[in-house]
Amino acid sequence: MGRRLEKIHIWLDDERPAPAGWYPLRSYETAKGVLWKCLNTSTREYYLAAISFDHDLGGEHTGYDLCLDIQRMVHDYLLGPFDWYVHSMNPVGRANIMFAMTQVERLWRARGYQIPPCEVPL
């Protein structure tokens, strides 16, 4: 029998507090590290249920950069479907994240996954 994985909801934001039940990550680097912990089968710790993105993370990288990493992970069959949301107040950053994640959803659908549209829960 396999070990039980922790279901995780990631709140990517360098300033705002995470809602109840969401795991706060303050930087791109930390978020990317947690994503890898969702992927590696030998050391996998988490089951990724959802990510809510902020764009501006107060450093060199943005939430959009994480979306580009997610695109590569999905393209390489490393990451399956999860719910996603955008809570960024940056209109251009928000649009870029939404575009990138819509492309991820298209890839999931092309692979036969049934992806319901995400509604903003926050």
PDB file of N, CA and C in Angstrom:
ATOM      1  N   MET A   1       0.836  -1.183   0.000  1.00  0.00           N
ATOM      2  CA  MET A   1       0.000   0.000   0.000  1.00  0.00           C
ATOM      3  C   MET A   1       0.881   1.247   0.000  1.00  0.00           C
ATOM      4  N   GLY A   2       0.573   2.207  -0.864  1.00  0.00           N
ATOM      5  CA  GLY A   2       1.360   3.432  -0.977  1.00  0.00           C
ATOM      6  C   GLY A   2       1.081   4.402   0.161  1.00  0.00           C
ATOM      7  N   ARG A   3       1.970   5.336   0.307  1.00  0.00           N
ATOM      8  CA  ARG A   3       1.768   6.333   1.361  1.00  0.00           C
ATOM      9  C   ARG A   3       0.712   7.348   0.931  1.00  0.00           C
ATOM     10  N   ARG A   4       0.075   7.954   1.889  1.00  0.00           N
ATOM     11  CA  ARG A   4      -0.971   8.938   1.625  1.00  0.00           C
ATOM     12  C   ARG A   4      -0.318  10.302   1.400  1.00  0.00           C
ATOM     13  N   LEU A   5      -0.670  10.935   0.291  1.00  0.00           N
ATOM     14  CA  LEU A   5      -0.107  12.245  -0.033  1.00  0.00           C
ATOM     15  C   LEU A   5      -0.989  13.354   0.530  1.00  0.00           C
ATOM     16  N   GLU A   6      -0.344  14.422   0.944  1.00  0.00           N
ATOM     17  CA  GLU A   6      -1.071  15.590   1.429  1.00  0.00           C
ATOM     18  C   GLU A   6      -1.608  16.375   0.241  1.00  0.00           C
ATOM     19  N   LYS A   7      -2.904  16.666   0.245  1.00  0.00           N
ATOM     20  CA  LYS A   7      -3.530  17.496  -0.787  1.00  0.00           C
ATOM     21  C   LYS A   7      -3.179  18.948  -0.471  1.00  0.00           C
ATOM     22  N   ILE A   8      -2.682  19.662  -1.468  1.00  0.00           N
ATOM     23  CA  ILE A   8      -2.207  21.021  -1.215  1.00  0.00           C
ATOM     24  C   ILE A   8      -2.882  22.020  -2.155  1.00  0.00           C
ATOM     25  N   HIS A   9      -3.264  23.154  -1.573  1.00  0.00           N
ATOM     26  CA  HIS A   9      -3.779  24.312  -2.304  1.00  0.00           C
ATOM     27  C   HIS A   9      -2.745  25.422  -2.119  1.00  0.00           C
ATOM     28  N   ILE A  10      -2.112  25.829  -3.196  1.00  0.00           N
ATOM     29  CA  ILE A  10      -1.031  26.814  -3.126  1.00  0.00           C
ATOM     30  C   ILE A  10      -1.571  28.224  -3.356  1.00  0.00           C
ATOM     31  N   TRP A  11      -1.219  29.127  -2.454  1.00  0.00           N
ATOM     32  CA  TRP A  11      -1.533  30.551  -2.566  1.00  0.00           C
ATOM     33  C   TRP A  11      -0.211  31.261  -2.821  1.00  0.00           C
ATOM     34  N   LEU A  12       0.024  31.657  -4.081  1.00  0.00           N
ATOM     35  CA  LEU A  12       1.284  32.308  -4.452  1.00  0.00           C
ATOM     36  C   LEU A  12       1.115  33.814  -4.379  1.00  0.00           C
ATOM     37  N   ASP A  13       1.692  34.423  -3.345  1.00  0.00           N
ATOM     38  CA  ASP A  13       1.564  35.862  -3.144  1.00  0.00           C
ATOM     39  C   ASP A  13       2.617  36.302  -2.142  1.00  0.00           C
ATOM     40  N   ASP A  14       3.333  37.369  -2.460  1.00  0.00           N
ATOM     41  CA  ASP A  14       4.391  37.832  -1.557  1.00  0.00           C
ATOM     42  C   ASP A  14       3.881  38.726  -0.433  1.00  0.00           C
ATOM     43  N   GLU A  15       2.628  39.178  -0.490  1.00  0.00           N
ATOM     44  CA  GLU A  15       2.133  40.114   0.513  1.00  0.00           C
ATOM     45  C   GLU A  15       0.842  39.685   1.197  1.00  0.00           C
ATOM     46  N   ARG A  16      -0.155  39.320   0.419  1.00  0.00           N
ATOM     47  CA  ARG A  16      -1.468  39.036   0.988  1.00  0.00           C
ATOM     48  C   ARG A  16      -1.485  37.705   1.748  1.00  0.00           C
ATOM     49  N   PRO A  17      -2.236  37.685   2.837  1.00  0.00           N
ATOM     50  CA  PRO A  17      -2.352  36.422   3.585  1.00  0.00           C
ATOM     51  C   PRO A  17      -3.195  35.412   2.801  1.00  0.00           C
ATOM     52  N   ALA A  18      -2.880  34.148   3.001  1.00  0.00           N
ATOM     53  CA  ALA A  18      -3.620  33.081   2.328  1.00  0.00           C
ATOM     54  C   ALA A  18      -4.963  32.854   3.013  1.00  0.00           C
ATOM     55  N   PRO A  19      -5.987  32.543   2.233  1.00  0.00           N
ATOM     56  CA  PRO A  19      -7.265  32.166   2.843  1.00  0.00           C
ATOM     57  C   PRO A  19      -7.118  30.854   3.626  1.00  0.00           C
ATOM     58  N   ALA A  20      -8.049  30.600   4.483  1.00  0.00           N
ATOM     59  CA  ALA A  20      -8.036  29.354   5.264  1.00  0.00           C
ATOM     60  C   ALA A  20      -7.979  28.155   4.323  1.00  0.00           C
ATOM     61  N   GLY A  21      -7.115  27.215   4.647  1.00  0.00           N
ATOM     62  CA  GLY A  21      -6.997  26.004   3.855  1.00  0.00           C
ATOM     63  C   GLY A  21      -6.004  26.091   2.706  1.00  0.00           C
ATOM     64  N   TRP A  22      -5.434  27.270   2.485  1.00  0.00           N
ATOM     65  CA  TRP A  22      -4.463  27.458   1.400  1.00  0.00           C
ATOM     66  C   TRP A  22      -3.071  27.582   2.006  1.00  0.00           C
ATOM     67  N   TYR A  23      -2.095  27.017   1.330  1.00  0.00           N
ATOM     68  CA  TYR A  23      -0.702  27.014   1.781  1.00  0.00           C
ATOM     69  C   TYR A  23       0.005  28.228   1.189  1.00  0.00           C
ATOM     70  N   PRO A  24       0.439  29.196   2.010  1.00  0.00           N
ATOM     71  CA  PRO A  24       1.046  30.418   1.461  1.00  0.00           C
ATOM     72  C   PRO A  24       2.489  30.196   1.006  1.00  0.00           C
ATOM     73  N   LEU A  25       2.758  30.581  -0.220  1.00  0.00           N
ATOM     74  CA  LEU A  25       4.123  30.580  -0.757  1.00  0.00           C
ATOM     75  C   LEU A  25       4.417  31.999  -1.205  1.00  0.00           C
ATOM     76  N   ARG A  26       5.546  32.533  -0.800  1.00  0.00           N
ATOM     77  CA  ARG A  26       5.849  33.954  -0.997  1.00  0.00           C
ATOM     78  C   ARG A  26       6.750  34.252  -2.186  1.00  0.00           C
ATOM     79  N   SER A  27       7.339  33.228  -2.812  1.00  0.00           N
ATOM     80  CA  SER A  27       8.265  33.497  -3.907  1.00  0.00           C
ATOM     81  C   SER A  27       8.141  32.439  -4.996  1.00  0.00           C
ATOM     82  N   TYR A  28       8.585  32.809  -6.177  1.00  0.00           N
ATOM     83  CA  TYR A  28       8.640  31.892  -7.314  1.00  0.00           C
ATOM     84  C   TYR A  28       9.492  30.672  -6.974  1.00  0.00           C
ATOM     85  N   GLU A  29      10.656  30.911  -6.387  1.00  0.00           N
ATOM     86  CA  GLU A  29      11.595  29.830  -6.091  1.00  0.00           C
ATOM     87  C   GLU A  29      10.973  28.800  -5.155  1.00  0.00           C
ATOM     88  N   THR A  30      10.315  29.277  -4.112  1.00  0.00           N
ATOM     89  CA  THR A  30       9.671  28.371  -3.164  1.00  0.00           C
ATOM     90  C   THR A  30       8.543  27.597  -3.840  1.00  0.00           C
ATOM     91  N   ALA A  31       7.755  28.292  -4.648  1.00  0.00           N
ATOM     92  CA  ALA A  31       6.641  27.635  -5.333  1.00  0.00           C
ATOM     93  C   ALA A  31       7.144  26.568  -6.299  1.00  0.00           C
ATOM     94  N   LYS A  32       8.198  26.869  -7.015  1.00  0.00           N
ATOM     95  CA  LYS A  32       8.753  25.881  -7.946  1.00  0.00           C
ATOM     96  C   LYS A  32       9.255  24.655  -7.176  1.00  0.00           C
ATOM     97  N   GLY A  33       9.880  24.879  -6.036  1.00  0.00           N
ATOM     98  CA  GLY A  33      10.339  23.765  -5.215  1.00  0.00           C
ATOM     99  C   GLY A  33       9.191  22.880  -4.740  1.00  0.00           C
ATOM    100  N   VAL A  34       8.097  23.492  -4.324  1.00  0.00           N
ATOM    101  CA  VAL A  34       6.935  22.715  -3.885  1.00  0.00           C
ATOM    102  C   VAL A  34       6.328  21.963  -5.068  1.00  0.00           C
ATOM    103  N   LEU A  35       6.286  22.584  -6.234  1.00  0.00           N
ATOM    104  CA  LEU A  35       5.776  21.875  -7.420  1.00  0.00           C
ATOM    105  C   LEU A  35       6.594  20.619  -7.692  1.00  0.00           C
ATOM    106  N   TRP A  36       7.906  20.722  -7.567  1.00  0.00           N
ATOM    107  CA  TRP A  36       8.742  19.536  -7.794  1.00  0.00           C
ATOM    108  C   TRP A  36       8.443  18.450  -6.772  1.00  0.00           C
ATOM    109  N   LYS A  37       8.059  18.852  -5.560  1.00  0.00           N
ATOM    110  CA  LYS A  37       7.685  17.854  -4.552  1.00  0.00           C
ATOM    111  C   LYS A  37       6.353  17.186  -4.891  1.00  0.00           C
ATOM    112  N   CYS A  38       5.601  17.787  -5.805  1.00  0.00           N
ATOM    113  CA  CYS A  38       4.355  17.178  -6.287  1.00  0.00           C
ATOM    114  C   CYS A  38       4.625  16.218  -7.445  1.00  0.00           C
ATOM    115  N   LEU A  39       5.816  16.264  -8.027  1.00  0.00           N
ATOM    116  CA  LEU A  39       6.111  15.516  -9.243  1.00  0.00           C
ATOM    117  C   LEU A  39       6.943  14.276  -9.039  1.00  0.00           C
ATOM    118  N   ASN A  40       8.026  14.395  -8.315  1.00  0.00           N
ATOM    119  CA  ASN A  40       8.995  13.313  -8.220  1.00  0.00           C
ATOM    120  C   ASN A  40       8.369  12.099  -7.532  1.00  0.00           C
ATOM    121  N   THR A  41       8.243  11.002  -8.249  1.00  0.00           N
ATOM    122  CA  THR A  41       7.527   9.843  -7.723  1.00  0.00           C
ATOM    123  C   THR A  41       8.223   9.189  -6.540  1.00  0.00           C
ATOM    124  N   SER A  42       9.536   9.259  -6.461  1.00  0.00           N
ATOM    125  CA  SER A  42      10.235   8.598  -5.355  1.00  0.00           C
ATOM    126  C   SER A  42      10.174   9.400  -4.059  1.00  0.00           C
ATOM    127  N   THR A  43      10.069  10.725  -4.171  1.00  0.00           N
ATOM    128  CA  THR A  43      10.036  11.564  -2.970  1.00  0.00           C
ATOM    129  C   THR A  43       8.787  12.435  -2.920  1.00  0.00           C
ATOM    130  N   ARG A  44       7.781  12.081  -3.669  1.00  0.00           N
ATOM    131  CA  ARG A  44       6.567  12.895  -3.761  1.00  0.00           C
ATOM    132  C   ARG A  44       5.915  13.054  -2.395  1.00  0.00           C
ATOM    133  N   GLU A  45       5.599  14.308  -2.050  1.00  0.00           N
ATOM    134  CA  GLU A  45       5.010  14.605  -0.751  1.00  0.00           C
ATOM    135  C   GLU A  45       3.581  15.131  -0.858  1.00  0.00           C
ATOM    136  N   TYR A  46       3.258  15.755  -1.983  1.00  0.00           N
ATOM    137  CA  TYR A  46       1.982  16.455  -2.103  1.00  0.00           C
ATOM    138  C   TYR A  46       1.215  16.022  -3.343  1.00  0.00           C
ATOM    139  N   TYR A  47      -0.095  16.173  -3.253  1.00  0.00           N
ATOM    140  CA  TYR A  47      -0.977  16.068  -4.406  1.00  0.00           C
ATOM    141  C   TYR A  47      -1.483  17.477  -4.658  1.00  0.00           C
ATOM    142  N   LEU A  48      -1.166  18.047  -5.810  1.00  0.00           N
ATOM    143  CA  LEU A  48      -1.543  19.427  -6.116  1.00  0.00           C
ATOM    144  C   LEU A  48      -3.028  19.492  -6.479  1.00  0.00           C
ATOM    145  N   ALA A  49      -3.788  20.195  -5.654  1.00  0.00           N
ATOM    146  CA  ALA A  49      -5.222  20.357  -5.899  1.00  0.00           C
ATOM    147  C   ALA A  49      -5.514  21.683  -6.601  1.00  0.00           C
ATOM    148  N   ALA A  50      -4.789  22.753  -6.226  1.00  0.00           N
ATOM    149  CA  ALA A  50      -5.082  24.072  -6.794  1.00  0.00           C
ATOM    150  C   ALA A  50      -3.917  25.032  -6.561  1.00  0.00           C
ATOM    151  N   ILE A  51      -3.843  26.021  -7.453  1.00  0.00           N
ATOM    152  CA  ILE A  51      -2.923  27.152  -7.280  1.00  0.00           C
ATOM    153  C   ILE A  51      -3.714  28.429  -7.548  1.00  0.00           C
ATOM    154  N   SER A  52      -3.515  29.428  -6.693  1.00  0.00           N
ATOM    155  CA  SER A  52      -4.025  30.761  -6.951  1.00  0.00           C
ATOM    156  C   SER A  52      -2.815  31.673  -7.133  1.00  0.00           C
ATOM    157  N   PHE A  53      -2.764  32.357  -8.267  1.00  0.00           N
ATOM    158  CA  PHE A  53      -1.584  33.123  -8.671  1.00  0.00           C
ATOM    159  C   PHE A  53      -1.717  34.617  -8.409  1.00  0.00           C
ATOM    160  N   ASP A  54      -0.654  35.189  -7.859  1.00  0.00           N
ATOM    161  CA  ASP A  54      -0.410  36.624  -7.922  1.00  0.00           C
ATOM    162  C   ASP A  54       0.662  36.797  -8.990  1.00  0.00           C
ATOM    163  N   HIS A  55       0.712  37.935  -9.638  1.00  0.00           N
ATOM    164  CA  HIS A  55       1.733  38.148 -10.659  1.00  0.00           C
ATOM    165  C   HIS A  55       3.010  38.709 -10.045  1.00  0.00           C
ATOM    166  N   ASP A  56       2.904  39.846  -9.388  1.00  0.00           N
ATOM    167  CA  ASP A  56       4.073  40.546  -8.862  1.00  0.00           C
ATOM    168  C   ASP A  56       4.471  39.932  -7.520  1.00  0.00           C
ATOM    169  N   LEU A  57       5.666  39.332  -7.485  1.00  0.00           N
ATOM    170  CA  LEU A  57       6.102  38.627  -6.284  1.00  0.00           C
ATOM    171  C   LEU A  57       7.255  39.328  -5.568  1.00  0.00           C
ATOM    172  N   GLY A  58       7.540  40.562  -5.936  1.00  0.00           N
ATOM    173  CA  GLY A  58       8.553  41.340  -5.226  1.00  0.00           C
ATOM    174  C   GLY A  58       9.981  40.937  -5.502  1.00  0.00           C
ATOM    175  N   GLY A  59      10.220  40.173  -6.538  1.00  0.00           N
ATOM    176  CA  GLY A  59      11.577  39.742  -6.872  1.00  0.00           C
ATOM    177  C   GLY A  59      11.767  39.701  -8.372  1.00  0.00           C
ATOM    178  N   GLU A  60      12.778  38.980  -8.784  1.00  0.00           N
ATOM    179  CA  GLU A  60      13.107  38.881 -10.205  1.00  0.00           C
ATOM    180  C   GLU A  60      12.052  38.108 -10.992  1.00  0.00           C
ATOM    181  N   HIS A  61      11.469  37.083 -10.373  1.00  0.00           N
ATOM    182  CA  HIS A  61      10.496  36.239 -11.063  1.00  0.00           C
ATOM    183  C   HIS A  61       9.076  36.589 -10.660  1.00  0.00           C
ATOM    184  N   THR A  62       8.133  36.219 -11.515  1.00  0.00           N
ATOM    185  CA  THR A  62       6.721  36.535 -11.302  1.00  0.00           C
ATOM    186  C   THR A  62       5.888  35.249 -11.285  1.00  0.00           C
ATOM    187  N   GLY A  63       4.609  35.419 -10.982  1.00  0.00           N
ATOM    188  CA  GLY A  63       3.685  34.296 -11.076  1.00  0.00           C
ATOM    189  C   GLY A  63       3.585  33.775 -12.494  1.00  0.00           C
ATOM    190  N   TYR A  64       3.739  34.659 -13.470  1.00  0.00           N
ATOM    191  CA  TYR A  64       3.730  34.233 -14.866  1.00  0.00           C
ATOM    192  C   TYR A  64       4.898  33.296 -15.166  1.00  0.00           C
ATOM    193  N   ASP A  65       6.054  33.560 -14.581  1.00  0.00           N
ATOM    194  CA  ASP A  65       7.201  32.659 -14.763  1.00  0.00           C
ATOM    195  C   ASP A  65       6.869  31.250 -14.272  1.00  0.00           C
ATOM    196  N   LEU A  66       6.136  31.163 -13.160  1.00  0.00           N
ATOM    197  CA  LEU A  66       5.736  29.849 -12.670  1.00  0.00           C
ATOM    198  C   LEU A  66       4.783  29.178 -13.658  1.00  0.00           C
ATOM    199  N   CYS A  67       3.913  29.959 -14.274  1.00  0.00           N
ATOM    200  CA  CYS A  67       3.010  29.407 -15.300  1.00  0.00           C
ATOM    201  C   CYS A  67       3.799  28.814 -16.461  1.00  0.00           C
ATOM    202  N   LEU A  68       4.867  29.481 -16.862  1.00  0.00           N
ATOM    203  CA  LEU A  68       5.695  28.953 -17.950  1.00  0.00           C
ATOM    204  C   LEU A  68       6.347  27.631 -17.542  1.00  0.00           C
ATOM    205  N   ASP A  69       6.772  27.538 -16.284  1.00  0.00           N
ATOM    206  CA  ASP A  69       7.312  26.270 -15.783  1.00  0.00           C
ATOM    207  C   ASP A  69       6.231  25.189 -15.790  1.00  0.00           C
ATOM    208  N   ILE A  70       5.039  25.553 -15.385  1.00  0.00           N
ATOM    209  CA  ILE A  70       3.928  24.599 -15.382  1.00  0.00           C
ATOM    210  C   ILE A  70       3.643  24.125 -16.798  1.00  0.00           C
ATOM    211  N   GLN A  71       3.675  25.050 -17.770  1.00  0.00           N
ATOM    212  CA  GLN A  71       3.471  24.647 -19.167  1.00  0.00           C
ATOM    213  C   GLN A  71       4.480  23.575 -19.576  1.00  0.00           C
ATOM    214  N   ARG A  72       5.743  23.774 -19.219  1.00  0.00           N
ATOM    215  CA  ARG A  72       6.772  22.781 -19.573  1.00  0.00           C
ATOM    216  C   ARG A  72       6.526  21.450 -18.865  1.00  0.00           C
ATOM    217  N   MET A  73       6.144  21.506 -17.601  1.00  0.00           N
ATOM    218  CA  MET A  73       5.876  20.285 -16.842  1.00  0.00           C
ATOM    219  C   MET A  73       4.709  19.503 -17.444  1.00  0.00           C
ATOM    220  N   VAL A  74       3.672  20.217 -17.836  1.00  0.00           N
ATOM    221  CA  VAL A  74       2.505  19.563 -18.449  1.00  0.00           C
ATOM    222  C   VAL A  74       2.889  19.014 -19.818  1.00  0.00           C
ATOM    223  N   HIS A  75       3.614  19.797 -20.597  1.00  0.00           N
ATOM    224  CA  HIS A  75       4.057  19.335 -21.916  1.00  0.00           C
ATOM    225  C   HIS A  75       4.859  18.044 -21.805  1.00  0.00           C
ATOM    226  N   ASP A  76       5.682  17.927 -20.765  1.00  0.00           N
ATOM    227  CA  ASP A  76       6.532  16.752 -20.560  1.00  0.00           C
ATOM    228  C   ASP A  76       5.835  15.643 -19.774  1.00  0.00           C
ATOM    229  N   TYR A  77       4.514  15.744 -19.624  1.00  0.00           N
ATOM    230  CA  TYR A  77       3.704  14.732 -18.928  1.00  0.00           C
ATOM    231  C   TYR A  77       4.086  14.563 -17.460  1.00  0.00           C
ATOM    232  N   LEU A  78       4.540  15.623 -16.831  1.00  0.00           N
ATOM    233  CA  LEU A  78       4.948  15.544 -15.424  1.00  0.00           C
ATOM    234  C   LEU A  78       3.857  15.995 -14.459  1.00  0.00           C
ATOM    235  N   LEU A  79       2.895  16.763 -14.954  1.00  0.00           N
ATOM    236  CA  LEU A  79       1.912  17.374 -14.060  1.00  0.00           C
ATOM    237  C   LEU A  79       0.528  17.243 -14.673  1.00  0.00           C
ATOM    238  N   GLY A  80      -0.372  16.656 -13.915  1.00  0.00           N
ATOM    239  CA  GLY A  80      -1.751  16.488 -14.365  1.00  0.00           C
ATOM    240  C   GLY A  80      -2.627  17.656 -13.935  1.00  0.00           C
ATOM    241  N   PRO A  81      -3.897  17.582 -14.246  1.00  0.00           N
ATOM    242  CA  PRO A  81      -4.818  18.693 -13.985  1.00  0.00           C
ATOM    243  C   PRO A  81      -4.958  19.070 -12.512  1.00  0.00           C
ATOM    244  N   PHE A  82      -5.133  20.345 -12.300  1.00  0.00           N
ATOM    245  CA  PHE A  82      -5.435  20.920 -10.992  1.00  0.00           C
ATOM    246  C   PHE A  82      -6.251  22.175 -11.248  1.00  0.00           C
ATOM    247  N   ASP A  83      -6.957  22.645 -10.238  1.00  0.00           N
ATOM    248  CA  ASP A  83      -7.704  23.896 -10.356  1.00  0.00           C
ATOM    249  C   ASP A  83      -6.735  25.073 -10.257  1.00  0.00           C
ATOM    250  N   TRP A  84      -7.064  26.148 -10.951  1.00  0.00           N
ATOM    251  CA  TRP A  84      -6.205  27.330 -10.873  1.00  0.00           C
ATOM    252  C   TRP A  84      -7.056  28.587 -10.865  1.00  0.00           C
ATOM    253  N   TYR A  85      -6.510  29.601 -10.224  1.00  0.00           N
ATOM    254  CA  TYR A  85      -7.187  30.882 -10.061  1.00  0.00           C
ATOM    255  C   TYR A  85      -6.141  31.984 -10.170  1.00  0.00           C
ATOM    256  N   VAL A  86      -6.599  33.191 -10.451  1.00  0.00           N
ATOM    257  CA  VAL A  86      -5.694  34.350 -10.504  1.00  0.00           C
ATOM    258  C   VAL A  86      -6.287  35.428  -9.597  1.00  0.00           C
ATOM    259  N   HIS A  87      -5.541  35.815  -8.587  1.00  0.00           N
ATOM    260  CA  HIS A  87      -6.011  36.869  -7.695  1.00  0.00           C
ATOM    261  C   HIS A  87      -5.157  38.147  -7.831  1.00  0.00           C
ATOM    262  N   SER A  88      -4.294  38.205  -8.825  1.00  0.00           N
ATOM    263  CA  SER A  88      -3.427  39.360  -9.044  1.00  0.00           C
ATOM    264  C   SER A  88      -4.239  40.600  -9.400  1.00  0.00           C
ATOM    265  N   MET A  89      -3.792  41.736  -8.899  1.00  0.00           N
ATOM    266  CA  MET A  89      -4.417  43.017  -9.226  1.00  0.00           C
ATOM    267  C   MET A  89      -3.733  43.692 -10.407  1.00  0.00           C
ATOM    268  N   ASN A  90      -2.632  43.128 -10.883  1.00  0.00           N
ATOM    269  CA  ASN A  90      -1.916  43.661 -12.038  1.00  0.00           C
ATOM    270  C   ASN A  90      -2.655  43.197 -13.294  1.00  0.00           C
ATOM    271  N   PRO A  91      -3.300  44.129 -14.039  1.00  0.00           N
ATOM    272  CA  PRO A  91      -4.135  43.699 -15.165  1.00  0.00           C
ATOM    273  C   PRO A  91      -3.360  43.001 -16.284  1.00  0.00           C
ATOM    274  N   VAL A  92      -2.169  43.467 -16.599  1.00  0.00           N
ATOM    275  CA  VAL A  92      -1.377  42.829 -17.654  1.00  0.00           C
ATOM    276  C   VAL A  92      -0.865  41.471 -17.177  1.00  0.00           C
ATOM    277  N   GLY A  93      -0.356  41.434 -15.944  1.00  0.00           N
ATOM    278  CA  GLY A  93       0.111  40.167 -15.380  1.00  0.00           C
ATOM    279  C   GLY A  93      -1.013  39.155 -15.275  1.00  0.00           C
ATOM    280  N   ARG A  94      -2.183  39.616 -14.866  1.00  0.00           N
ATOM    281  CA  ARG A  94      -3.364  38.738 -14.761  1.00  0.00           C
ATOM    282  C   ARG A  94      -3.700  38.144 -16.124  1.00  0.00           C
ATOM    283  N   ALA A  95      -3.721  38.993 -17.152  1.00  0.00           N
ATOM    284  CA  ALA A  95      -4.043  38.520 -18.502  1.00  0.00           C
ATOM    285  C   ALA A  95      -3.007  37.504 -18.994  1.00  0.00           C
ATOM    286  N   ASN A  96      -1.739  37.752 -18.712  1.00  0.00           N
ATOM    287  CA  ASN A  96      -0.681  36.822 -19.142  1.00  0.00           C
ATOM    288  C   ASN A  96      -0.817  35.465 -18.448  1.00  0.00           C
ATOM    289  N   ILE A  97      -1.094  35.479 -17.149  1.00  0.00           N
ATOM    290  CA  ILE A  97      -1.273  34.232 -16.411  1.00  0.00           C
ATOM    291  C   ILE A  97      -2.484  33.481 -16.948  1.00  0.00           C
ATOM    292  N   MET A  98      -3.569  34.190 -17.166  1.00  0.00           N
ATOM    293  CA  MET A  98      -4.783  33.539 -17.662  1.00  0.00           C
ATOM    294  C   MET A  98      -4.547  32.926 -19.041  1.00  0.00           C
ATOM    295  N   PHE A  99      -3.832  33.631 -19.899  1.00  0.00           N
ATOM    296  CA  PHE A  99      -3.532  33.090 -21.220  1.00  0.00           C
ATOM    297  C   PHE A  99      -2.681  31.825 -21.111  1.00  0.00           C
ATOM    298  N   ALA A 100      -1.626  31.889 -20.288  1.00  0.00           N
ATOM    299  CA  ALA A 100      -0.728  30.732 -20.140  1.00  0.00           C
ATOM    300  C   ALA A 100      -1.467  29.523 -19.578  1.00  0.00           C
ATOM    301  N   MET A 101      -2.286  29.737 -18.577  1.00  0.00           N
ATOM    302  CA  MET A 101      -2.984  28.605 -17.964  1.00  0.00           C
ATOM    303  C   MET A 101      -4.111  28.085 -18.864  1.00  0.00           C
ATOM    304  N   THR A 102      -4.674  28.940 -19.691  1.00  0.00           N
ATOM    305  CA  THR A 102      -5.659  28.470 -20.673  1.00  0.00           C
ATOM    306  C   THR A 102      -4.983  27.545 -21.672  1.00  0.00           C
ATOM    307  N   GLN A 103      -3.743  27.845 -22.019  1.00  0.00           N
ATOM    308  CA  GLN A 103      -2.987  26.953 -22.911  1.00  0.00           C
ATOM    309  C   GLN A 103      -2.721  25.610 -22.232  1.00  0.00           C
ATOM    310  N   VAL A 104      -2.446  25.638 -20.945  1.00  0.00           N
ATOM    311  CA  VAL A 104      -2.255  24.397 -20.187  1.00  0.00           C
ATOM    312  C   VAL A 104      -3.546  23.576 -20.219  1.00  0.00           C
ATOM    313  N   GLU A 105      -4.679  24.230 -19.995  1.00  0.00           N
ATOM    314  CA  GLU A 105      -5.961  23.522 -20.042  1.00  0.00           C
ATOM    315  C   GLU A 105      -6.205  22.899 -21.411  1.00  0.00           C
ATOM    316  N   ARG A 106      -5.855  23.597 -22.471  1.00  0.00           N
ATOM    317  CA  ARG A 106      -6.017  23.035 -23.823  1.00  0.00           C
ATOM    318  C   ARG A 106      -5.211  21.758 -23.993  1.00  0.00           C
ATOM    319  N   LEU A 107      -4.006  21.765 -23.463  1.00  0.00           N
ATOM    320  CA  LEU A 107      -3.169  20.576 -23.555  1.00  0.00           C
ATOM    321  C   LEU A 107      -3.782  19.422 -22.761  1.00  0.00           C
ATOM    322  N   TRP A 108      -4.280  19.718 -21.562  1.00  0.00           N
ATOM    323  CA  TRP A 108      -4.940  18.668 -20.771  1.00  0.00           C
ATOM    324  C   TRP A 108      -6.133  18.099 -21.533  1.00  0.00           C
ATOM    325  N   ARG A 109      -6.951  18.975 -22.115  1.00  0.00           N
ATOM    326  CA  ARG A 109      -8.123  18.496 -22.872  1.00  0.00           C
ATOM    327  C   ARG A 109      -7.702  17.659 -24.073  1.00  0.00           C
ATOM    328  N   ALA A 110      -6.644  18.065 -24.760  1.00  0.00           N
ATOM    329  CA  ALA A 110      -6.158  17.304 -25.918  1.00  0.00           C
ATOM    330  C   ALA A 110      -5.709  15.909 -25.500  1.00  0.00           C
ATOM    331  N   ARG A 111      -5.340  15.762 -24.252  1.00  0.00           N
ATOM    332  CA  ARG A 111      -4.908  14.451 -23.734  1.00  0.00           C
ATOM    333  C   ARG A 111      -6.066  13.661 -23.128  1.00  0.00           C
ATOM    334  N   GLY A 112      -7.270  14.202 -23.256  1.00  0.00           N
ATOM    335  CA  GLY A 112      -8.446  13.463 -22.823  1.00  0.00           C
ATOM    336  C   GLY A 112      -8.956  13.758 -21.430  1.00  0.00           C
ATOM    337  N   TYR A 113      -8.339  14.693 -20.724  1.00  0.00           N
ATOM    338  CA  TYR A 113      -8.826  15.051 -19.400  1.00  0.00           C
ATOM    339  C   TYR A 113     -10.101  15.892 -19.527  1.00  0.00           C
ATOM    340  N   GLN A 114     -11.040  15.680 -18.635  1.00  0.00           N
ATOM    341  CA  GLN A 114     -12.226  16.507 -18.556  1.00  0.00           C
ATOM    342  C   GLN A 114     -11.935  17.645 -17.583  1.00  0.00           C
ATOM    343  N   ILE A 115     -11.840  18.843 -18.113  1.00  0.00           N
ATOM    344  CA  ILE A 115     -11.461  20.004 -17.298  1.00  0.00           C
ATOM    345  C   ILE A 115     -12.669  20.923 -17.148  1.00  0.00           C
ATOM    346  N   PRO A 116     -13.272  20.964 -15.964  1.00  0.00           N
ATOM    347  CA  PRO A 116     -14.370  21.913 -15.778  1.00  0.00           C
ATOM    348  C   PRO A 116     -13.816  23.321 -15.649  1.00  0.00           C
ATOM    349  N   PRO A 117     -14.572  24.317 -16.071  1.00  0.00           N
ATOM    350  CA  PRO A 117     -14.075  25.691 -15.919  1.00  0.00           C
ATOM    351  C   PRO A 117     -13.946  26.042 -14.435  1.00  0.00           C
ATOM    352  N   CYS A 118     -12.852  26.729 -14.122  1.00  0.00           N
ATOM    353  CA  CYS A 118     -12.630  27.149 -12.737  1.00  0.00           C
ATOM    354  C   CYS A 118     -13.446  28.397 -12.448  1.00  0.00           C
ATOM    355  N   GLU A 119     -14.023  28.430 -11.289  1.00  0.00           N
ATOM    356  CA  GLU A 119     -14.733  29.625 -10.833  1.00  0.00           C
ATOM    357  C   GLU A 119     -13.899  30.251  -9.734  1.00  0.00           C
ATOM    358  N   VAL A 120     -13.975  31.542  -9.634  1.00  0.00           N
ATOM    359  CA  VAL A 120     -13.189  32.242  -8.621  1.00  0.00           C
ATOM    360  C   VAL A 120     -13.820  32.020  -7.251  1.00  0.00           C
ATOM    361  N   PRO A 121     -13.121  31.284  -6.345  1.00  0.00           N
ATOM    362  CA  PRO A 121     -13.701  31.004  -5.041  1.00  0.00           C
ATOM    363  C   PRO A 121     -13.323  32.029  -3.979  1.00  0.00           C
ATOM    364  N   LEU A 122     -12.433  32.933  -4.324  1.00  0.00           N
ATOM    365  CA  LEU A 122     -11.831  33.771  -3.291  1.00  0.00           C
ATOM    366  C   LEU A 122     -12.487  35.121  -3.178  1.00  0.00           C
TER     367      LEU A 122
END
